[in-house]
Amino acid sequence: GVFAHLEMLESRAYQAAVKQEEREQQEEKLAKLQARVQELRLQRDELRAKVDLQQKRQLGKGGAVSDPAQPSARAVLEWKIKSVKATLQLFYLTGISGKLTKRGVCFCISTAYEGTYLDSYYLDLLAKPEVQIHRHSIPIFIPLEQIAKKYLQTDIRRFLSVLLDHLNAYVGRRYQADQLQEHFSDQIEGTLQRNSLCNLLVFNYAVSSKSKTFPFSVRLLYGDLCCSLPTEVVVSCAPDAPTALAEAAAAHSELFRLMALHKAFRSFSSAEESVD
């Protein structure tokens, strides 16, 4: 019992250290993004100043311009190219990289969960006559058309950001389900049931791997497709189950809401070992 307790304390200390390291990495990443945003704003202001200066020089030389308030077509084109390049550099820090093509831009969207790299998806956009999706490798169950209809023509940064949120949440849910089946298959009855989007998970499980029965049934619904934690959790047991099991089901339900699926099961296992 003493050794088990020490192991549990060591496990908790390790998890706390990992969370602290992740928090520090996120803060550092945020600081870099904020600095990059400020740098891009300065570049934008410099470009605008250069365009204004060019217009004034043209007027001073007697050159005719149709509308002094409008920059020249070449200046606008140069500004757009620099703006796109700056956008690509900014998104690179968030997991989105890209390169200019002859007809537009090709983006690579890299996904990860809790610091673990998972998958990359590609999105090829055409710039003329209007921004449109040429080809992509986004899964069909991701609402790409809806996101594009809402943001693609008006705010491409927002479009990419929302798409990244959807993809990261999807791979996060899938990763949790895979981890559960890989490390806790002896506590699950049969195969975990899930749909393609992994926003609905259903399975039966037991707390102890030594048990031959699976008294708990769980249904996890992820109503927010940009989130990797469930919005609705139902953990149930038989109506005539002992009070202790009913209380355990309520406790498990709360953990499923707050923790990743495989981490919740690891918590169950640690608690069971400490009791043993």
C-alpha atoms as a PDB file:
ATOM      1  CA  GLY A   1       0.000   0.000   0.000  1.00  0.00           C
ATOM      2  CA  VAL A   2       2.836   2.432   0.811  1.00  0.00           C
ATOM      3  CA  PHE A   3       4.623   1.794  -2.487  1.00  0.00           C
ATOM      4  CA  ALA A   4       1.373   2.166  -4.416  1.00  0.00           C
ATOM      5  CA  HIS A   5       0.740   5.463  -2.665  1.00  0.00           C
ATOM      6  CA  LEU A   6       4.263   6.673  -3.501  1.00  0.00           C
ATOM      7  CA  GLU A   7       3.795   5.684  -7.131  1.00  0.00           C
ATOM      8  CA  MET A   8       0.516   7.589  -7.240  1.00  0.00           C
ATOM      9  CA  LEU A   9       2.203  10.696  -5.788  1.00  0.00           C
ATOM     10  CA  GLU A  10       5.037  10.409  -8.310  1.00  0.00           C
ATOM     11  CA  SER A  11       2.514  10.059 -11.128  1.00  0.00           C
ATOM     12  CA  ARG A  12       0.646  13.167  -9.985  1.00  0.00           C
ATOM     13  CA  ALA A  13       3.894  15.121  -9.668  1.00  0.00           C
ATOM     14  CA  TYR A  14       4.902  14.086 -13.169  1.00  0.00           C
ATOM     15  CA  GLN A  15       1.528  15.080 -14.614  1.00  0.00           C
ATOM     16  CA  ALA A  16       1.748  18.450 -12.856  1.00  0.00           C
ATOM     17  CA  ALA A  17       5.225  19.020 -14.293  1.00  0.00           C
ATOM     18  CA  VAL A  18       4.014  18.122 -17.798  1.00  0.00           C
ATOM     19  CA  LYS A  19       1.076  20.522 -17.518  1.00  0.00           C
ATOM     20  CA  GLN A  20       3.388  23.295 -16.295  1.00  0.00           C
ATOM     21  CA  GLU A  21       5.732  22.736 -19.229  1.00  0.00           C
ATOM     22  CA  GLU A  22       2.795  22.791 -21.678  1.00  0.00           C
ATOM     23  CA  ARG A  23       1.522  25.999 -20.095  1.00  0.00           C
ATOM     24  CA  GLU A  24       4.932  27.650 -20.441  1.00  0.00           C
ATOM     25  CA  GLN A  25       5.176  26.555 -24.084  1.00  0.00           C
ATOM     26  CA  GLN A  26       1.740  27.998 -24.833  1.00  0.00           C
ATOM     27  CA  GLU A  27       2.664  31.295 -23.163  1.00  0.00           C
ATOM     28  CA  GLU A  28       5.890  31.464 -25.164  1.00  0.00           C
ATOM     29  CA  LYS A  29       4.009  30.689 -28.375  1.00  0.00           C
ATOM     30  CA  LEU A  30       1.428  33.370 -27.617  1.00  0.00           C
ATOM     31  CA  ALA A  31       4.158  35.940 -26.965  1.00  0.00           C
ATOM     32  CA  LYS A  32       5.763  35.129 -30.323  1.00  0.00           C
ATOM     33  CA  LEU A  33       2.427  35.476 -32.094  1.00  0.00           C
ATOM     34  CA  GLN A  34       1.731  38.825 -30.452  1.00  0.00           C
ATOM     35  CA  ALA A  35       5.177  40.089 -31.428  1.00  0.00           C
ATOM     36  CA  ARG A  36       4.651  38.882 -35.000  1.00  0.00           C
ATOM     37  CA  VAL A  37       1.254  40.589 -35.205  1.00  0.00           C
ATOM     38  CA  GLN A  38       2.837  43.865 -34.089  1.00  0.00           C
ATOM     39  CA  GLU A  39       5.574  43.456 -36.692  1.00  0.00           C
ATOM     40  CA  LEU A  40       3.021  42.845 -39.444  1.00  0.00           C
ATOM     41  CA  ARG A  41       1.081  45.937 -38.425  1.00  0.00           C
ATOM     42  CA  LEU A  42       4.252  48.012 -38.702  1.00  0.00           C
ATOM     43  CA  GLN A  43       4.917  46.565 -42.154  1.00  0.00           C
ATOM     44  CA  ARG A  44       1.370  47.424 -43.194  1.00  0.00           C
ATOM     45  CA  ASP A  45       1.787  51.016 -42.045  1.00  0.00           C
ATOM     46  CA  GLU A  46       5.101  51.293 -43.902  1.00  0.00           C
ATOM     47  CA  LEU A  47       3.521  49.985 -47.105  1.00  0.00           C
ATOM     48  CA  ARG A  48       0.699  52.472 -46.853  1.00  0.00           C
ATOM     49  CA  ALA A  49       3.179  55.304 -46.316  1.00  0.00           C
ATOM     50  CA  LYS A  50       5.168  54.219 -49.383  1.00  0.00           C
ATOM     51  CA  VAL A  51       2.020  54.131 -51.521  1.00  0.00           C
ATOM     52  CA  ASP A  52       1.067  57.624 -50.366  1.00  0.00           C
ATOM     53  CA  LEU A  53       4.566  58.928 -51.113  1.00  0.00           C
ATOM     54  CA  GLN A  54       4.502  57.394 -54.592  1.00  0.00           C
ATOM     55  CA  GLN A  55       1.198  59.107 -55.354  1.00  0.00           C
ATOM     56  CA  LYS A  56       2.538  62.468 -54.207  1.00  0.00           C
ATOM     57  CA  ARG A  57       5.631  62.093 -56.415  1.00  0.00           C
ATOM     58  CA  GLN A  58       3.475  61.277 -59.426  1.00  0.00           C
ATOM     59  CA  LEU A  59       1.350  64.366 -58.816  1.00  0.00           C
ATOM     60  CA  GLY A  60       4.472  66.512 -58.358  1.00  0.00           C
ATOM     61  CA  LYS A  61       5.808  65.399 -61.750  1.00  0.00           C
ATOM     62  CA  GLY A  62       2.585  66.366 -63.462  1.00  0.00           C
ATOM     63  CA  GLY A  63       1.445  62.810 -63.922  1.00  0.00           C
ATOM     64  CA  ALA A  64      -2.304  62.399 -64.135  1.00  0.00           C
ATOM     65  CA  VAL A  65      -4.032  59.973 -61.846  1.00  0.00           C
ATOM     66  CA  SER A  66      -7.716  59.256 -62.112  1.00  0.00           C
ATOM     67  CA  ASP A  67      -8.307  59.313 -58.357  1.00  0.00           C
ATOM     68  CA  PRO A  68      -5.595  60.525 -55.934  1.00  0.00           C
ATOM     69  CA  ALA A  69      -7.248  58.626 -53.114  1.00  0.00           C
ATOM     70  CA  GLN A  70      -6.651  55.307 -54.926  1.00  0.00           C
ATOM     71  CA  PRO A  71      -3.142  53.752 -55.107  1.00  0.00           C
ATOM     72  CA  SER A  72      -1.739  52.553 -58.428  1.00  0.00           C
ATOM     73  CA  ALA A  73      -2.528  49.002 -59.589  1.00  0.00           C
ATOM     74  CA  ARG A  74       1.125  48.004 -59.277  1.00  0.00           C
ATOM     75  CA  ALA A  75       1.359  49.330 -55.730  1.00  0.00           C
ATOM     76  CA  VAL A  76      -1.797  47.437 -54.771  1.00  0.00           C
ATOM     77  CA  LEU A  77      -0.447  44.216 -56.312  1.00  0.00           C
ATOM     78  CA  GLU A  78       2.877  44.551 -54.474  1.00  0.00           C
ATOM     79  CA  TRP A  79       1.042  45.237 -51.231  1.00  0.00           C
ATOM     80  CA  LYS A  80      -1.167  42.154 -51.695  1.00  0.00           C
ATOM     81  CA  ILE A  81       1.828  39.919 -52.370  1.00  0.00           C
ATOM     82  CA  LYS A  82       3.676  41.159 -49.292  1.00  0.00           C
ATOM     83  CA  SER A  83       0.510  40.848 -47.236  1.00  0.00           C
ATOM     84  CA  VAL A  84       0.004  37.228 -48.320  1.00  0.00           C
ATOM     85  CA  LYS A  85       3.626  36.385 -47.528  1.00  0.00           C
ATOM     86  CA  ALA A  86       3.301  38.005 -44.112  1.00  0.00           C
ATOM     87  CA  THR A  87       0.103  36.013 -43.495  1.00  0.00           C
ATOM     88  CA  LEU A  88       1.881  32.778 -44.381  1.00  0.00           C
ATOM     89  CA  GLN A  89       4.686  33.592 -41.933  1.00  0.00           C
ATOM     90  CA  LEU A  90       2.180  34.398 -39.204  1.00  0.00           C
ATOM     91  CA  PHE A  91       0.204  31.171 -39.643  1.00  0.00           C
ATOM     92  CA  TYR A  92       3.392  29.100 -39.711  1.00  0.00           C
ATOM     93  CA  LEU A  93       3.662  29.704 -35.966  1.00  0.00           C
ATOM     94  CA  THR A  94       0.192  28.244 -35.421  1.00  0.00           C
ATOM     95  CA  GLY A  95       0.609  25.055 -37.461  1.00  0.00           C
ATOM     96  CA  ILE A  96      -0.356  26.431 -40.882  1.00  0.00           C
ATOM     97  CA  SER A  97       2.284  26.842 -43.567  1.00  0.00           C
ATOM     98  CA  GLY A  98       1.899  27.690 -47.221  1.00  0.00           C
ATOM     99  CA  LYS A  99       3.508  28.725 -50.442  1.00  0.00           C
ATOM    100  CA  LEU A 100       2.470  30.912 -53.335  1.00  0.00           C
ATOM    101  CA  THR A 101       1.536  29.116 -56.554  1.00  0.00           C
ATOM    102  CA  LYS A 102       0.998  30.452 -60.075  1.00  0.00           C
ATOM    103  CA  ARG A 103      -2.741  30.517 -59.497  1.00  0.00           C
ATOM    104  CA  GLY A 104      -3.025  31.187 -55.770  1.00  0.00           C
ATOM    105  CA  VAL A 105      -1.806  29.695 -52.502  1.00  0.00           C
ATOM    106  CA  CYS A 106      -1.336  26.129 -51.265  1.00  0.00           C
ATOM    107  CA  PHE A 107      -1.667  25.654 -47.490  1.00  0.00           C
ATOM    108  CA  CYS A 108      -0.463  22.795 -45.311  1.00  0.00           C
ATOM    109  CA  ILE A 109      -2.424  22.485 -42.055  1.00  0.00           C
ATOM    110  CA  SER A 110      -0.606  20.472 -39.391  1.00  0.00           C
ATOM    111  CA  THR A 111      -2.627  19.118 -36.471  1.00  0.00           C
ATOM    112  CA  ALA A 112      -1.547  18.047 -33.013  1.00  0.00           C
ATOM    113  CA  TYR A 113      -2.996  17.117 -29.636  1.00  0.00           C
ATOM    114  CA  GLU A 114      -1.244  17.828 -26.325  1.00  0.00           C
ATOM    115  CA  GLY A 115       2.064  18.361 -28.087  1.00  0.00           C
ATOM    116  CA  THR A 116       1.800  15.175 -30.183  1.00  0.00           C
ATOM    117  CA  TYR A 117       1.937  15.734 -33.960  1.00  0.00           C
ATOM    118  CA  LEU A 118      -0.836  13.827 -35.708  1.00  0.00           C
ATOM    119  CA  ASP A 119      -1.844  14.575 -39.315  1.00  0.00           C
ATOM    120  CA  SER A 120      -1.337  17.158 -42.060  1.00  0.00           C
ATOM    121  CA  TYR A 121      -4.002  18.314 -44.493  1.00  0.00           C
ATOM    122  CA  TYR A 122      -3.614  20.297 -47.700  1.00  0.00           C
ATOM    123  CA  LEU A 123      -5.719  23.084 -49.144  1.00  0.00           C
ATOM    124  CA  ASP A 124      -5.091  24.590 -52.587  1.00  0.00           C
ATOM    125  CA  LEU A 125      -6.771  27.970 -53.168  1.00  0.00           C
ATOM    126  CA  LEU A 126      -7.221  29.864 -56.419  1.00  0.00           C
ATOM    127  CA  ALA A 127      -6.969  33.655 -56.250  1.00  0.00           C
ATOM    128  CA  LYS A 128      -8.729  34.649 -59.499  1.00  0.00           C
ATOM    129  CA  PRO A 129     -11.351  35.658 -60.419  1.00  0.00           C
ATOM    130  CA  GLU A 130     -12.226  35.246 -56.734  1.00  0.00           C
ATOM    131  CA  VAL A 131     -10.792  33.173 -53.925  1.00  0.00           C
ATOM    132  CA  GLN A 132     -12.034  29.606 -54.251  1.00  0.00           C
ATOM    133  CA  ILE A 133     -11.021  26.092 -53.201  1.00  0.00           C
ATOM    134  CA  HIS A 134      -9.333  24.216 -56.050  1.00  0.00           C
ATOM    135  CA  ARG A 135      -8.537  20.914 -54.295  1.00  0.00           C
ATOM    136  CA  HIS A 136      -7.945  19.669 -50.767  1.00  0.00           C
ATOM    137  CA  SER A 137      -7.421  16.639 -48.524  1.00  0.00           C
ATOM    138  CA  ILE A 138      -9.783  17.769 -45.753  1.00  0.00           C
ATOM    139  CA  PRO A 139     -11.987  14.849 -44.527  1.00  0.00           C
ATOM    140  CA  ILE A 140     -15.483  14.945 -46.006  1.00  0.00           C
ATOM    141  CA  PHE A 141     -17.126  15.104 -42.567  1.00  0.00           C
ATOM    142  CA  ILE A 142     -15.422  18.416 -41.719  1.00  0.00           C
ATOM    143  CA  PRO A 143     -17.885  21.231 -42.647  1.00  0.00           C
ATOM    144  CA  LEU A 144     -15.437  22.834 -45.089  1.00  0.00           C
ATOM    145  CA  GLU A 145     -18.102  24.242 -47.428  1.00  0.00           C
ATOM    146  CA  GLN A 146     -19.964  25.927 -44.561  1.00  0.00           C
ATOM    147  CA  ILE A 147     -16.766  27.475 -43.190  1.00  0.00           C
ATOM    148  CA  ALA A 148     -15.727  28.632 -46.679  1.00  0.00           C
ATOM    149  CA  LYS A 149     -19.139  30.147 -47.386  1.00  0.00           C
ATOM    150  CA  LYS A 150     -18.969  32.130 -44.160  1.00  0.00           C
ATOM    151  CA  TYR A 151     -15.357  33.371 -44.179  1.00  0.00           C
ATOM    152  CA  LEU A 152     -13.383  32.590 -47.356  1.00  0.00           C
ATOM    153  CA  GLN A 153     -14.348  35.673 -49.389  1.00  0.00           C
ATOM    154  CA  THR A 154     -14.277  38.168 -46.516  1.00  0.00           C
ATOM    155  CA  ASP A 155     -11.629  37.021 -44.019  1.00  0.00           C
ATOM    156  CA  ILE A 156      -9.197  34.297 -45.105  1.00  0.00           C
ATOM    157  CA  ARG A 157      -7.348  34.414 -41.784  1.00  0.00           C
ATOM    158  CA  ARG A 158     -10.557  33.680 -39.941  1.00  0.00           C
ATOM    159  CA  PHE A 159     -11.348  30.942 -42.457  1.00  0.00           C
ATOM    160  CA  LEU A 160      -8.032  29.172 -41.821  1.00  0.00           C
ATOM    161  CA  SER A 161      -8.268  29.663 -38.063  1.00  0.00           C
ATOM    162  CA  VAL A 162     -11.758  28.122 -37.829  1.00  0.00           C
ATOM    163  CA  LEU A 163     -10.763  25.267 -40.134  1.00  0.00           C
ATOM    164  CA  LEU A 164      -7.701  24.568 -37.966  1.00  0.00           C
ATOM    165  CA  ASP A 165      -9.904  24.512 -34.846  1.00  0.00           C
ATOM    166  CA  HIS A 166     -12.201  21.933 -36.444  1.00  0.00           C
ATOM    167  CA  LEU A 167      -9.309  19.725 -37.563  1.00  0.00           C
ATOM    168  CA  ASN A 168      -7.438  19.914 -34.265  1.00  0.00           C
ATOM    169  CA  ALA A 169     -10.593  19.073 -32.323  1.00  0.00           C
ATOM    170  CA  TYR A 170     -11.340  16.113 -34.609  1.00  0.00           C
ATOM    171  CA  VAL A 171      -7.857  14.596 -34.402  1.00  0.00           C
ATOM    172  CA  GLY A 172      -7.889  15.243 -30.635  1.00  0.00           C
ATOM    173  CA  ARG A 173     -11.092  13.259 -30.174  1.00  0.00           C
ATOM    174  CA  ARG A 174      -9.813  10.498 -32.432  1.00  0.00           C
ATOM    175  CA  TYR A 175      -6.489  10.400 -30.580  1.00  0.00           C
ATOM    176  CA  GLN A 176      -8.250  10.005 -27.225  1.00  0.00           C
ATOM    177  CA  ALA A 177     -10.374   7.132 -28.527  1.00  0.00           C
ATOM    178  CA  ASP A 178      -7.304   5.410 -30.013  1.00  0.00           C
ATOM    179  CA  GLN A 179      -5.379   5.802 -26.756  1.00  0.00           C
ATOM    180  CA  LEU A 180      -8.283   4.339 -24.803  1.00  0.00           C
ATOM    181  CA  GLN A 181      -8.471   1.257 -27.004  1.00  0.00           C
ATOM    182  CA  GLU A 182      -4.704   0.820 -27.045  1.00  0.00           C
ATOM    183  CA  HIS A 183      -4.021   1.122 -23.318  1.00  0.00           C
ATOM    184  CA  PHE A 184      -7.303   0.155 -21.638  1.00  0.00           C
ATOM    185  CA  SER A 185      -8.773  -2.508 -23.924  1.00  0.00           C
ATOM    186  CA  ASP A 186      -8.992  -4.945 -20.998  1.00  0.00           C
ATOM    187  CA  GLN A 187     -11.410  -2.572 -19.248  1.00  0.00           C
ATOM    188  CA  ILE A 188     -13.683  -2.097 -22.264  1.00  0.00           C
ATOM    189  CA  GLU A 189     -16.319  -4.552 -23.419  1.00  0.00           C
ATOM    190  CA  GLY A 190     -15.910  -5.265 -27.114  1.00  0.00           C
ATOM    191  CA  THR A 191     -15.083  -2.395 -29.468  1.00  0.00           C
ATOM    192  CA  LEU A 192     -15.616   1.256 -28.727  1.00  0.00           C
ATOM    193  CA  GLN A 193     -18.384   2.567 -31.002  1.00  0.00           C
ATOM    194  CA  ARG A 194     -17.670   5.889 -32.738  1.00  0.00           C
ATOM    195  CA  ASN A 195     -18.740   7.741 -35.841  1.00  0.00           C
ATOM    196  CA  SER A 196     -16.435   9.173 -38.514  1.00  0.00           C
ATOM    197  CA  LEU A 197     -16.228  12.598 -36.865  1.00  0.00           C
ATOM    198  CA  CYS A 198     -15.575  10.996 -33.458  1.00  0.00           C
ATOM    199  CA  ASN A 199     -18.080  13.333 -31.854  1.00  0.00           C
ATOM    200  CA  LEU A 200     -20.176  10.429 -30.525  1.00  0.00           C
ATOM    201  CA  LEU A 201     -18.567   7.636 -28.479  1.00  0.00           C
ATOM    202  CA  VAL A 202     -20.447   4.746 -26.843  1.00  0.00           C
ATOM    203  CA  PHE A 203     -18.955   1.860 -24.861  1.00  0.00           C
ATOM    204  CA  ASN A 204     -19.236  -0.291 -21.721  1.00  0.00           C
ATOM    205  CA  TYR A 205     -16.403  -0.491 -19.242  1.00  0.00           C
ATOM    206  CA  ALA A 206     -15.242  -1.723 -15.854  1.00  0.00           C
ATOM    207  CA  VAL A 207     -13.064   0.158 -13.399  1.00  0.00           C
ATOM    208  CA  SER A 208     -10.882  -2.816 -12.521  1.00  0.00           C
ATOM    209  CA  SER A 209      -9.293  -4.947 -15.217  1.00  0.00           C
ATOM    210  CA  LYS A 210      -9.684  -7.946 -12.881  1.00  0.00           C
ATOM    211  CA  SER A 211     -13.469  -7.692 -13.082  1.00  0.00           C
ATOM    212  CA  LYS A 212     -15.270 -10.002 -15.495  1.00  0.00           C
ATOM    213  CA  THR A 213     -18.314  -7.720 -15.676  1.00  0.00           C
ATOM    214  CA  PHE A 214     -18.676  -4.288 -17.259  1.00  0.00           C
ATOM    215  CA  PRO A 215     -21.186  -2.459 -15.058  1.00  0.00           C
ATOM    216  CA  PHE A 216     -20.770   1.033 -16.573  1.00  0.00           C
ATOM    217  CA  SER A 217     -22.207   2.269 -19.865  1.00  0.00           C
ATOM    218  CA  VAL A 218     -21.096   5.635 -21.226  1.00  0.00           C
ATOM    219  CA  ARG A 219     -22.276   7.896 -24.023  1.00  0.00           C
ATOM    220  CA  LEU A 220     -20.111  10.914 -24.890  1.00  0.00           C
ATOM    221  CA  LEU A 221     -21.454  13.596 -27.200  1.00  0.00           C
ATOM    222  CA  TYR A 222     -19.186  16.383 -28.483  1.00  0.00           C
ATOM    223  CA  GLY A 223     -21.716  19.048 -29.432  1.00  0.00           C
ATOM    224  CA  ASP A 224     -19.013  21.650 -30.078  1.00  0.00           C
ATOM    225  CA  LEU A 225     -17.082  20.410 -33.122  1.00  0.00           C
ATOM    226  CA  CYS A 226     -14.211  22.761 -32.265  1.00  0.00           C
ATOM    227  CA  CYS A 227     -13.709  21.140 -28.861  1.00  0.00           C
ATOM    228  CA  SER A 228     -12.013  17.895 -27.834  1.00  0.00           C
ATOM    229  CA  LEU A 229     -13.985  17.541 -24.569  1.00  0.00           C
ATOM    230  CA  PRO A 230     -17.591  16.316 -24.513  1.00  0.00           C
ATOM    231  CA  THR A 231     -20.538  18.649 -24.002  1.00  0.00           C
ATOM    232  CA  GLU A 232     -22.850  15.849 -22.897  1.00  0.00           C
ATOM    233  CA  VAL A 233     -21.846  12.864 -20.747  1.00  0.00           C
ATOM    234  CA  VAL A 234     -24.108  10.007 -19.663  1.00  0.00           C
ATOM    235  CA  VAL A 235     -22.596   7.317 -17.430  1.00  0.00           C
ATOM    236  CA  SER A 236     -25.074   4.737 -16.201  1.00  0.00           C
ATOM    237  CA  CYS A 237     -25.206   1.376 -14.478  1.00  0.00           C
ATOM    238  CA  ALA A 238     -27.935  -1.174 -13.775  1.00  0.00           C
ATOM    239  CA  PRO A 239     -30.979   0.184 -11.888  1.00  0.00           C
ATOM    240  CA  ASP A 240     -30.434  -2.333  -9.093  1.00  0.00           C
ATOM    241  CA  ALA A 241     -26.696  -1.591  -8.829  1.00  0.00           C
ATOM    242  CA  PRO A 242     -25.223  -0.961  -5.363  1.00  0.00           C
ATOM    243  CA  THR A 243     -25.070   2.639  -4.141  1.00  0.00           C
ATOM    244  CA  ALA A 244     -21.281   2.637  -4.479  1.00  0.00           C
ATOM    245  CA  LEU A 245     -21.523   1.957  -8.216  1.00  0.00           C
ATOM    246  CA  ALA A 246     -24.082   4.725  -8.718  1.00  0.00           C
ATOM    247  CA  GLU A 247     -21.822   7.168  -6.888  1.00  0.00           C
ATOM    248  CA  ALA A 248     -18.842   6.022  -8.954  1.00  0.00           C
ATOM    249  CA  ALA A 249     -20.831   6.583 -12.174  1.00  0.00           C
ATOM    250  CA  ALA A 250     -21.566  10.174 -11.111  1.00  0.00           C
ATOM    251  CA  ALA A 251     -17.887  10.778 -10.291  1.00  0.00           C
ATOM    252  CA  HIS A 252     -16.785   9.297 -13.613  1.00  0.00           C
ATOM    253  CA  SER A 253     -19.243  11.503 -15.477  1.00  0.00           C
ATOM    254  CA  GLU A 254     -17.614  14.607 -14.008  1.00  0.00           C
ATOM    255  CA  LEU A 255     -14.123  13.396 -14.919  1.00  0.00           C
ATOM    256  CA  PHE A 256     -15.149  12.722 -18.523  1.00  0.00           C
ATOM    257  CA  ARG A 257     -16.296  16.334 -18.789  1.00  0.00           C
ATOM    258  CA  LEU A 258     -13.032  17.759 -17.478  1.00  0.00           C
ATOM    259  CA  MET A 259     -10.321  15.396 -18.710  1.00  0.00           C
ATOM    260  CA  ALA A 260      -9.201  13.672 -21.887  1.00  0.00           C
ATOM    261  CA  LEU A 261     -10.767  10.229 -22.208  1.00  0.00           C
ATOM    262  CA  HIS A 262      -7.606   8.178 -21.707  1.00  0.00           C
ATOM    263  CA  LYS A 263      -6.511  10.410 -18.822  1.00  0.00           C
ATOM    264  CA  ALA A 264      -9.837   9.830 -17.074  1.00  0.00           C
ATOM    265  CA  PHE A 265      -9.273   6.075 -17.321  1.00  0.00           C
ATOM    266  CA  ARG A 266      -5.741   6.468 -16.026  1.00  0.00           C
ATOM    267  CA  SER A 267      -7.224   8.315 -13.067  1.00  0.00           C
ATOM    268  CA  PHE A 268      -9.660   5.433 -12.464  1.00  0.00           C
ATOM    269  CA  SER A 269      -6.802   2.935 -12.554  1.00  0.00           C
ATOM    270  CA  SER A 270      -4.652   4.975 -10.150  1.00  0.00           C
ATOM    271  CA  ALA A 271      -7.538   5.291  -7.698  1.00  0.00           C
ATOM    272  CA  GLU A 272      -8.213   1.548  -7.906  1.00  0.00           C
ATOM    273  CA  GLU A 273      -4.548   0.725  -7.260  1.00  0.00           C
ATOM    274  CA  SER A 274      -4.405   3.049  -4.253  1.00  0.00           C
ATOM    275  CA  VAL A 275      -7.452   1.326  -2.784  1.00  0.00           C
ATOM    276  CA  ASP A 276      -5.879  -2.105  -3.365  1.00  0.00           C
END
